[in-house]
PDB file of N, CA and C in Angstrom:
ATOM      1  N   MET A   1     198.038 -37.526-150.669  1.00  0.00           N
ATOM      2  CA  MET A   1     197.825 -38.157-149.374  1.00  0.00           C
ATOM      3  C   MET A   1     197.556 -39.634-149.589  1.00  0.00           C
ATOM      4  N   PHE A   2     198.197 -40.458-148.807  1.00  0.00           N
ATOM      5  CA  PHE A   2     198.058 -41.902-148.923  1.00  0.00           C
ATOM      6  C   PHE A   2     196.926 -42.386-148.015  1.00  0.00           C
ATOM      7  N   LEU A   3     196.016 -43.158-148.572  1.00  0.00           N
ATOM      8  CA  LEU A   3     194.901 -43.689-147.794  1.00  0.00           C
ATOM      9  C   LEU A   3     195.039 -45.201-147.689  1.00  0.00           C
ATOM     10  N   ASP A   4     194.825 -45.699-146.515  1.00  0.00           N
ATOM     11  CA  ASP A   4     194.863 -47.149-146.295  1.00  0.00           C
ATOM     12  C   ASP A   4     193.441 -47.672-146.454  1.00  0.00           C
ATOM     13  N   ARG A   5     193.223 -48.412-147.506  1.00  0.00           N
ATOM     14  CA  ARG A   5     191.881 -48.890-147.845  1.00  0.00           C
ATOM     15  C   ARG A   5     191.266 -49.724-146.724  1.00  0.00           C
ATOM     16  N   ASN A   6     192.024 -50.584-146.102  1.00  0.00           N
ATOM     17  CA  ASN A   6     191.489 -51.428-145.024  1.00  0.00           C
ATOM     18  C   ASN A   6     191.060 -50.597-143.821  1.00  0.00           C
ATOM     19  N   ASN A   7     191.884 -49.629-143.427  1.00  0.00           N
ATOM     20  CA  ASN A   7     191.522 -48.773-142.295  1.00  0.00           C
ATOM     21  C   ASN A   7     190.313 -47.909-142.629  1.00  0.00           C
ATOM     22  N   ASP A   8     190.250 -47.435-143.864  1.00  0.00           N
ATOM     23  CA  ASP A   8     189.103 -46.632-144.286  1.00  0.00           C
ATOM     24  C   ASP A   8     187.823 -47.445-144.238  1.00  0.00           C
ATOM     25  N   LEU A   9     187.880 -48.692-144.673  1.00  0.00           N
ATOM     26  CA  LEU A   9     186.693 -49.550-144.650  1.00  0.00           C
ATOM     27  C   LEU A   9     186.258 -49.859-143.222  1.00  0.00           C
ATOM     28  N   ILE A  10     187.227 -50.081-142.349  1.00  0.00           N
ATOM     29  CA  ILE A  10     186.912 -50.329-140.937  1.00  0.00           C
ATOM     30  C   ILE A  10     186.268 -49.083-140.330  1.00  0.00           C
ATOM     31  N   TYR A  11     186.851 -47.913-140.624  1.00  0.00           N
ATOM     32  CA  TYR A  11     186.302 -46.655-140.124  1.00  0.00           C
ATOM     33  C   TYR A  11     184.873 -46.440-140.631  1.00  0.00           C
ATOM     34  N   LEU A  12     184.650 -46.657-141.914  1.00  0.00           N
ATOM     35  CA  LEU A  12     183.319 -46.478-142.484  1.00  0.00           C
ATOM     36  C   LEU A  12     182.321 -47.462-141.879  1.00  0.00           C
ATOM     37  N   LYS A  13     182.751 -48.684-141.638  1.00  0.00           N
ATOM     38  CA  LYS A  13     181.861 -49.684-141.028  1.00  0.00           C
ATOM     39  C   LYS A  13     181.482 -49.261-139.606  1.00  0.00           C
ATOM     40  N   ARG A  14     182.459 -48.777-138.851  1.00  0.00           N
ATOM     41  CA  ARG A  14     182.166 -48.316-137.478  1.00  0.00           C
ATOM     42  C   ARG A  14     181.233 -47.112-137.493  1.00  0.00           C
ATOM     43  N   LEU A  15     181.487 -46.208-138.433  1.00  0.00           N
ATOM     44  CA  LEU A  15     180.621 -45.040-138.566  1.00  0.00           C
ATOM     45  C   LEU A  15     179.194 -45.455-138.922  1.00  0.00           C
ATOM     46  N   GLU A  16     179.080 -46.384-139.841  1.00  0.00           N
ATOM     47  CA  GLU A  16     177.759 -46.890-140.215  1.00  0.00           C
ATOM     48  C   GLU A  16     177.064 -47.544-139.020  1.00  0.00           C
ATOM     49  N   ASP A  17     177.802 -48.332-138.237  1.00  0.00           N
ATOM     50  CA  ASP A  17     177.235 -48.986-137.057  1.00  0.00           C
ATOM     51  C   ASP A  17     176.748 -47.958-136.034  1.00  0.00           C
ATOM     52  N   MET A  18     177.529 -46.877-135.866  1.00  0.00           N
ATOM     53  CA  MET A  18     177.126 -45.834-134.929  1.00  0.00           C
ATOM     54  C   MET A  18     175.851 -45.145-135.392  1.00  0.00           C
ATOM     55  N   ILE A  19     175.787 -44.832-136.675  1.00  0.00           N
ATOM     56  CA  ILE A  19     174.610 -44.143-137.210  1.00  0.00           C
ATOM     57  C   ILE A  19     173.387 -45.043-137.123  1.00  0.00           C
ATOM     58  N   MET A  20     173.543 -46.301-137.501  1.00  0.00           N
ATOM     59  CA  MET A  20     172.413 -47.230-137.455  1.00  0.00           C
ATOM     60  C   MET A  20     171.995 -47.484-136.010  1.00  0.00           C
ATOM     61  N   GLY A  21     172.964 -47.513-135.101  1.00  0.00           N
ATOM     62  CA  GLY A  21     172.634 -47.680-133.684  1.00  0.00           C
ATOM     63  C   GLY A  21     171.820 -46.514-133.169  1.00  0.00           C
ATOM     64  N   PHE A  22     172.199 -45.312-133.591  1.00  0.00           N
ATOM     65  CA  PHE A  22     171.450 -44.121-133.188  1.00  0.00           C
ATOM     66  C   PHE A  22     170.015 -44.203-133.681  1.00  0.00           C
ATOM     67  N   TRP A  23     169.834 -44.502-134.971  1.00  0.00           N
ATOM     68  CA  TRP A  23     168.473 -44.539-135.525  1.00  0.00           C
ATOM     69  C   TRP A  23     167.676 -45.701-134.960  1.00  0.00           C
ATOM     70  N   GLY A  24     168.347 -46.801-134.643  1.00  0.00           N
ATOM     71  CA  GLY A  24     167.650 -47.906-133.991  1.00  0.00           C
ATOM     72  C   GLY A  24     167.144 -47.504-132.615  1.00  0.00           C
ATOM     73  N   SER A  25     167.987 -46.784-131.876  1.00  0.00           N
ATOM     74  CA  SER A  25     167.586 -46.303-130.549  1.00  0.00           C
ATOM     75  C   SER A  25     166.451 -45.290-130.662  1.00  0.00           C
ATOM     76  N   ALA A  26     166.539 -44.408-131.658  1.00  0.00           N
ATOM     77  CA  ALA A  26     165.479 -43.423-131.855  1.00  0.00           C
ATOM     78  C   ALA A  26     164.159 -44.113-132.197  1.00  0.00           C
ATOM     79  N   ALA A  27     164.218 -45.160-133.011  1.00  0.00           N
ATOM     80  CA  ALA A  27     163.002 -45.897-133.372  1.00  0.00           C
ATOM     81  C   ALA A  27     162.402 -46.586-132.146  1.00  0.00           C
ATOM     82  N   ASN A  28     163.258 -47.168-131.314  1.00  0.00           N
ATOM     83  CA  ASN A  28     162.767 -47.823-130.094  1.00  0.00           C
ATOM     84  C   ASN A  28     162.129 -46.815-129.147  1.00  0.00           C
ATOM     85  N   LEU A  29     162.738 -45.652-129.038  1.00  0.00           N
ATOM     86  CA  LEU A  29     162.192 -44.601-128.180  1.00  0.00           C
ATOM     87  C   LEU A  29     160.830 -44.144-128.679  1.00  0.00           C
ATOM     88  N   ALA A  30     160.704 -43.971-129.988  1.00  0.00           N
ATOM     89  CA  ALA A  30     159.417 -43.564-130.568  1.00  0.00           C
ATOM     90  C   ALA A  30     158.358 -44.639-130.349  1.00  0.00           C
ATOM     91  N   LYS A  31     158.757 -45.892-130.464  1.00  0.00           N
ATOM     92  CA  LYS A  31     157.813 -46.995-130.256  1.00  0.00           C
ATOM     93  C   LYS A  31     157.322 -47.007-128.808  1.00  0.00           C
ATOM     94  N   GLU A  32     158.246 -46.845-127.870  1.00  0.00           N
ATOM     95  CA  GLU A  32     157.868 -46.828-126.455  1.00  0.00           C
ATOM     96  C   GLU A  32     156.968 -45.637-126.139  1.00  0.00           C
ATOM     97  N   ALA A  33     157.253 -44.498-126.728  1.00  0.00           N
ATOM     98  CA  ALA A  33     156.409 -43.316-126.513  1.00  0.00           C
ATOM     99  C   ALA A  33     155.004 -43.567-127.053  1.00  0.00           C
ATOM    100  N   GLY A  34     154.922 -44.189-128.212  1.00  0.00           N
ATOM    101  CA  GLY A  34     153.621 -44.513-128.794  1.00  0.00           C
ATOM    102  C   GLY A  34     152.830 -45.467-127.919  1.00  0.00           C
ATOM    103  N   GLU A  35     153.520 -46.441-127.342  1.00  0.00           N
ATOM    104  CA  GLU A  35     152.843 -47.385-126.450  1.00  0.00           C
ATOM    105  C   GLU A  35     152.367 -46.679-125.181  1.00  0.00           C
ATOM    106  N   GLY A  36     153.155 -45.727-124.698  1.00  0.00           N
ATOM    107  CA  GLY A  36     152.750 -44.955-123.517  1.00  0.00           C
ATOM    108  C   GLY A  36     151.507 -44.133-123.793  1.00  0.00           C
ATOM    109  N   VAL A  37     151.443 -43.523-124.964  1.00  0.00           N
ATOM    110  CA  VAL A  37     150.256 -42.743-125.348  1.00  0.00           C
ATOM    111  C   VAL A  37     149.049 -43.660-125.451  1.00  0.00           C
ATOM    112  N   LYS A  38     149.249 -44.841-125.998  1.00  0.00           N
ATOM    113  CA  LYS A  38     148.149 -45.802-126.133  1.00  0.00           C
ATOM    114  C   LYS A  38     147.607 -46.198-124.755  1.00  0.00           C
ATOM    115  N   ARG A  39     148.521 -46.481-123.812  1.00  0.00           N
ATOM    116  CA  ARG A  39     148.090 -46.838-122.443  1.00  0.00           C
ATOM    117  C   ARG A  39     147.350 -45.677-121.782  1.00  0.00           C
ATOM    118  N   PHE A  40     147.853 -44.453-121.981  1.00  0.00           N
ATOM    119  CA  PHE A  40     147.204 -43.263-121.415  1.00  0.00           C
ATOM    120  C   PHE A  40     145.787 -43.121-121.958  1.00  0.00           C
ATOM    121  N   ASN A  41     145.621 -43.285-123.265  1.00  0.00           N
ATOM    122  CA  ASN A  41     144.298 -43.159-123.875  1.00  0.00           C
ATOM    123  C   ASN A  41     143.348 -44.251-123.407  1.00  0.00           C
ATOM    124  N   GLU A  42     143.854 -45.475-123.268  1.00  0.00           N
ATOM    125  CA  GLU A  42     143.012 -46.571-122.770  1.00  0.00           C
ATOM    126  C   GLU A  42     142.554 -46.285-121.347  1.00  0.00           C
ATOM    127  N   ARG A  43     143.471 -45.804-120.518  1.00  0.00           N
ATOM    128  CA  ARG A  43     143.108 -45.473-119.133  1.00  0.00           C
ATOM    129  C   ARG A  43     142.095 -44.333-119.104  1.00  0.00           C
ATOM    130  N   SER A  44     142.262 -43.348-119.978  1.00  0.00           N
ATOM    131  CA  SER A  44     141.316 -42.224-120.031  1.00  0.00           C
ATOM    132  C   SER A  44     139.913 -42.703-120.385  1.00  0.00           C
ATOM    133  N   ARG A  45     139.808 -43.574-121.378  1.00  0.00           N
ATOM    134  CA  ARG A  45     138.486 -44.106-121.759  1.00  0.00           C
ATOM    135  C   ARG A  45     137.866 -44.913-120.614  1.00  0.00           C
ATOM    136  N   LYS A  46     138.695 -45.696-119.965  1.00  0.00           N
ATOM    137  CA  LYS A  46     138.214 -46.514-118.845  1.00  0.00           C
ATOM    138  C   LYS A  46     137.707 -45.624-117.703  1.00  0.00           C
ATOM    139  N   LEU A  47     138.498 -44.589-117.370  1.00  0.00           N
ATOM    140  CA  LEU A  47     138.083 -43.667-116.308  1.00  0.00           C
ATOM    141  C   LEU A  47     136.817 -42.910-116.681  1.00  0.00           C
ATOM    142  N   GLN A  48     136.715 -42.493-117.937  1.00  0.00           N
ATOM    143  CA  GLN A  48     135.529 -41.746-118.347  1.00  0.00           C
ATOM    144  C   GLN A  48     134.282 -42.618-118.207  1.00  0.00           C
ATOM    145  N   ASN A  49     134.380 -43.868-118.628  1.00  0.00           N
ATOM    146  CA  ASN A  49     133.236 -44.782-118.466  1.00  0.00           C
ATOM    147  C   ASN A  49     132.887 -44.971-116.997  1.00  0.00           C
ATOM    148  N   GLU A  50     133.915 -45.098-116.177  1.00  0.00           N
ATOM    149  CA  GLU A  50     133.700 -45.283-114.736  1.00  0.00           C
ATOM    150  C   GLU A  50     133.090 -44.025-114.111  1.00  0.00           C
ATOM    151  N   TYR A  51     133.612 -42.857-114.484  1.00  0.00           N
ATOM    152  CA  TYR A  51     133.142 -41.610-113.891  1.00  0.00           C
ATOM    153  C   TYR A  51     131.742 -41.229-114.354  1.00  0.00           C
ATOM    154  N   GLN A  52     131.334 -41.666-115.506  1.00  0.00           N
ATOM    155  CA  GLN A  52     129.974 -41.382-115.959  1.00  0.00           C
ATOM    156  C   GLN A  52     128.940 -42.063-115.074  1.00  0.00           C
ATOM    157  N   GLN A  53     129.362 -43.103-114.366  1.00  0.00           N
ATOM    158  CA  GLN A  53     128.456 -43.813-113.463  1.00  0.00           C
ATOM    159  C   GLN A  53     128.424 -43.202-112.058  1.00  0.00           C
ATOM    160  N   LYS A  54     129.385 -42.341-111.752  1.00  0.00           N
ATOM    161  CA  LYS A  54     129.471 -41.757-110.413  1.00  0.00           C
ATOM    162  C   LYS A  54     128.562 -40.536-110.285  1.00  0.00           C
ATOM    163  N   SER A  55     128.230 -40.225-109.046  1.00  0.00           N
ATOM    164  CA  SER A  55     127.407 -39.041-108.786  1.00  0.00           C
ATOM    165  C   SER A  55     128.254 -37.785-108.985  1.00  0.00           C
ATOM    166  N   SER A  56     127.562 -36.693-109.204  1.00  0.00           N
ATOM    167  CA  SER A  56     128.257 -35.416-109.393  1.00  0.00           C
ATOM    168  C   SER A  56     129.038 -35.021-108.148  1.00  0.00           C
ATOM    169  N   GLU A  57     128.498 -35.342-106.990  1.00  0.00           N
ATOM    170  CA  GLU A  57     129.183 -35.027-105.731  1.00  0.00           C
ATOM    171  C   GLU A  57     130.530 -35.764-105.649  1.00  0.00           C
ATOM    172  N   LYS A  58     130.540 -37.036-106.015  1.00  0.00           N
ATOM    173  CA  LYS A  58     131.797 -37.794-105.988  1.00  0.00           C
ATOM    174  C   LYS A  58     132.793 -37.236-107.006  1.00  0.00           C
ATOM    175  N   LEU A  59     132.290 -36.813-108.143  1.00  0.00           N
ATOM    176  CA  LEU A  59     133.181 -36.233-109.154  1.00  0.00           C
ATOM    177  C   LEU A  59     133.771 -34.912-108.669  1.00  0.00           C
ATOM    178  N   ARG A  60     132.972 -34.109-107.972  1.00  0.00           N
ATOM    179  CA  ARG A  60     133.491 -32.859-107.427  1.00  0.00           C
ATOM    180  C   ARG A  60     134.581 -33.128-106.392  1.00  0.00           C
ATOM    181  N   ARG A  61     134.435 -34.208-105.621  1.00  0.00           N
ATOM    182  CA  ARG A  61     135.469 -34.575-104.651  1.00  0.00           C
ATOM    183  C   ARG A  61     136.762 -34.973-105.359  1.00  0.00           C
ATOM    184  N   VAL A  62     136.630 -35.659-106.491  1.00  0.00           N
ATOM    185  CA  VAL A  62     137.812 -36.028-107.279  1.00  0.00           C
ATOM    186  C   VAL A  62     138.526 -34.763-107.749  1.00  0.00           C
ATOM    187  N   VAL A  63     137.763 -33.813-108.278  1.00  0.00           N
ATOM    188  CA  VAL A  63     138.339 -32.572-108.798  1.00  0.00           C
ATOM    189  C   VAL A  63     139.031 -31.778-107.693  1.00  0.00           C
ATOM    190  N   LYS A  64     138.459 -31.758-106.504  1.00  0.00           N
ATOM    191  CA  LYS A  64     138.987 -30.943-105.402  1.00  0.00           C
ATOM    192  C   LYS A  64     140.084 -31.643-104.608  1.00  0.00           C
ATOM    193  N   SER A  65     140.314 -32.920-104.844  1.00  0.00           N
ATOM    194  CA  SER A  65     141.305 -33.649-104.048  1.00  0.00           C
ATOM    195  C   SER A  65     142.696 -33.062-104.257  1.00  0.00           C
ATOM    196  N   GLU A  66     143.477 -33.055-103.177  1.00  0.00           N
ATOM    197  CA  GLU A  66     144.827 -32.489-103.211  1.00  0.00           C
ATOM    198  C   GLU A  66     145.764 -33.348-102.391  1.00  0.00           C
ATOM    199  N   GLY A  67     147.030 -33.052-102.514  1.00  0.00           N
ATOM    200  CA  GLY A  67     148.032 -33.706-101.688  1.00  0.00           C
ATOM    201  C   GLY A  67     148.526 -35.022-102.258  1.00  0.00           C
ATOM    202  N   PHE A  68     149.322 -35.686-101.461  1.00  0.00           N
ATOM    203  CA  PHE A  68     149.965 -36.930-101.868  1.00  0.00           C
ATOM    204  C   PHE A  68     148.961 -38.008-102.238  1.00  0.00           C
ATOM    205  N   PHE A  69     147.883 -38.093-101.486  1.00  0.00           N
ATOM    206  CA  PHE A  69     146.874 -39.136-101.731  1.00  0.00           C
ATOM    207  C   PHE A  69     145.727 -38.644-102.612  1.00  0.00           C
ATOM    208  N   GLY A  70     145.843 -37.455-103.158  1.00  0.00           N
ATOM    209  CA  GLY A  70     144.813 -36.906-104.034  1.00  0.00           C
ATOM    210  C   GLY A  70     144.816 -37.607-105.389  1.00  0.00           C
ATOM    211  N   ASN A  71     143.794 -37.332-106.161  1.00  0.00           N
ATOM    212  CA  ASN A  71     143.675 -37.923-107.491  1.00  0.00           C
ATOM    213  C   ASN A  71     144.681 -37.295-108.451  1.00  0.00           C
ATOM    214  N   SER A  72     145.000 -38.032-109.510  1.00  0.00           N
ATOM    215  CA  SER A  72     145.969 -37.555-110.498  1.00  0.00           C
ATOM    216  C   SER A  72     145.353 -36.459-111.368  1.00  0.00           C
ATOM    217  N   ALA A  73     146.208 -35.766-112.087  1.00  0.00           N
ATOM    218  CA  ALA A  73     145.752 -34.711-112.998  1.00  0.00           C
ATOM    219  C   ALA A  73     144.846 -35.306-114.077  1.00  0.00           C
ATOM    220  N   GLN A  74     145.156 -36.502-114.511  1.00  0.00           N
ATOM    221  CA  GLN A  74     144.330 -37.176-115.527  1.00  0.00           C
ATOM    222  C   GLN A  74     142.933 -37.456-114.978  1.00  0.00           C
ATOM    223  N   GLU A  75     142.863 -37.959-113.755  1.00  0.00           N
ATOM    224  CA  GLU A  75     141.565 -38.251-113.141  1.00  0.00           C
ATOM    225  C   GLU A  75     140.756 -36.973-112.942  1.00  0.00           C
ATOM    226  N   LYS A  76     141.417 -35.911-112.507  1.00  0.00           N
ATOM    227  CA  LYS A  76     140.721 -34.647-112.300  1.00  0.00           C
ATOM    228  C   LYS A  76     140.180 -34.088-113.609  1.00  0.00           C
ATOM    229  N   ALA A  77     140.995 -34.165-114.661  1.00  0.00           N
ATOM    230  CA  ALA A  77     140.569 -33.642-115.963  1.00  0.00           C
ATOM    231  C   ALA A  77     139.360 -34.395-116.483  1.00  0.00           C
ATOM    232  N   ILE A  78     139.340 -35.693-116.302  1.00  0.00           N
ATOM    233  CA  ILE A  78     138.209 -36.496-116.790  1.00  0.00           C
ATOM    234  C   ILE A  78     136.971 -36.229-115.947  1.00  0.00           C
ATOM    235  N   ALA A  79     137.153 -36.075-114.631  1.00  0.00           N
ATOM    236  CA  ALA A  79     136.010 -35.745-113.767  1.00  0.00           C
ATOM    237  C   ALA A  79     135.418 -34.396-114.174  1.00  0.00           C
ATOM    238  N   ARG A  80     136.280 -33.405-114.445  1.00  0.00           N
ATOM    239  CA  ARG A  80     135.795 -32.096-114.901  1.00  0.00           C
ATOM    240  C   ARG A  80     135.051 -32.219-116.221  1.00  0.00           C
ATOM    241  N   LYS A  81     135.558 -33.048-117.118  1.00  0.00           N
ATOM    242  CA  LYS A  81     134.916 -33.242-118.417  1.00  0.00           C
ATOM    243  C   LYS A  81     133.518 -33.844-118.257  1.00  0.00           C
ATOM    244  N   VAL A  82     133.398 -34.845-117.397  1.00  0.00           N
ATOM    245  CA  VAL A  82     132.084 -35.475-117.177  1.00  0.00           C
ATOM    246  C   VAL A  82     131.126 -34.469-116.551  1.00  0.00           C
ATOM    247  N   LEU A  83     131.602 -33.699-115.573  1.00  0.00           N
ATOM    248  CA  LEU A  83     130.748 -32.676-114.960  1.00  0.00           C
ATOM    249  C   LEU A  83     130.313 -31.642-115.997  1.00  0.00           C
ATOM    250  N   LYS A  84     131.212 -31.248-116.875  1.00  0.00           N
ATOM    251  CA  LYS A  84     130.886 -30.276-117.913  1.00  0.00           C
ATOM    252  C   LYS A  84     129.835 -30.856-118.872  1.00  0.00           C
ATOM    253  N   GLU A  85     129.970 -32.119-119.218  1.00  0.00           N
ATOM    254  CA  GLU A  85     128.977 -32.763-120.105  1.00  0.00           C
ATOM    255  C   GLU A  85     127.612 -32.784-119.443  1.00  0.00           C
ATOM    256  N   ARG A  86     127.586 -32.857-118.119  1.00  0.00           N
ATOM    257  CA  ARG A  86     126.320 -32.841-117.393  1.00  0.00           C
ATOM    258  C   ARG A  86     125.795 -31.416-117.195  1.00  0.00           C
ATOM    259  N   GLY A  87     126.577 -30.441-117.611  1.00  0.00           N
ATOM    260  CA  GLY A  87     126.170 -29.054-117.440  1.00  0.00           C
ATOM    261  C   GLY A  87     126.462 -28.525-116.064  1.00  0.00           C
ATOM    262  N   GLU A  88     127.352 -29.190-115.325  1.00  0.00           N
ATOM    263  CA  GLU A  88     127.665 -28.800-113.958  1.00  0.00           C
ATOM    264  C   GLU A  88     129.097 -28.318-113.803  1.00  0.00           C
ATOM    265  N   GLY A  89     129.816 -28.226-114.893  1.00  0.00           N
ATOM    266  CA  GLY A  89     131.243 -27.908-114.776  1.00  0.00           C
ATOM    267  C   GLY A  89     131.609 -26.520-115.067  1.00  0.00           C
TER     268      GLY A  89
END
């Protein structure tokens, strides 16, 4: 079988570019996911500090809130955690 060296090199270069592009995209995706986790953790710490200052009644309202204007799952989980630390959860 006859192989054209120039075409083979072009093909290999394109293949290499595709593979490197894939891994570059995967690395960027992992970096963005890591930054998202970091933001989530920072918000959790901030909410926990804020909720530790609130009364138990206000925290129970956070936990029980529902609907479109209700608190997020993250806020509810942190409110439950603070109530549990107080022995009320």
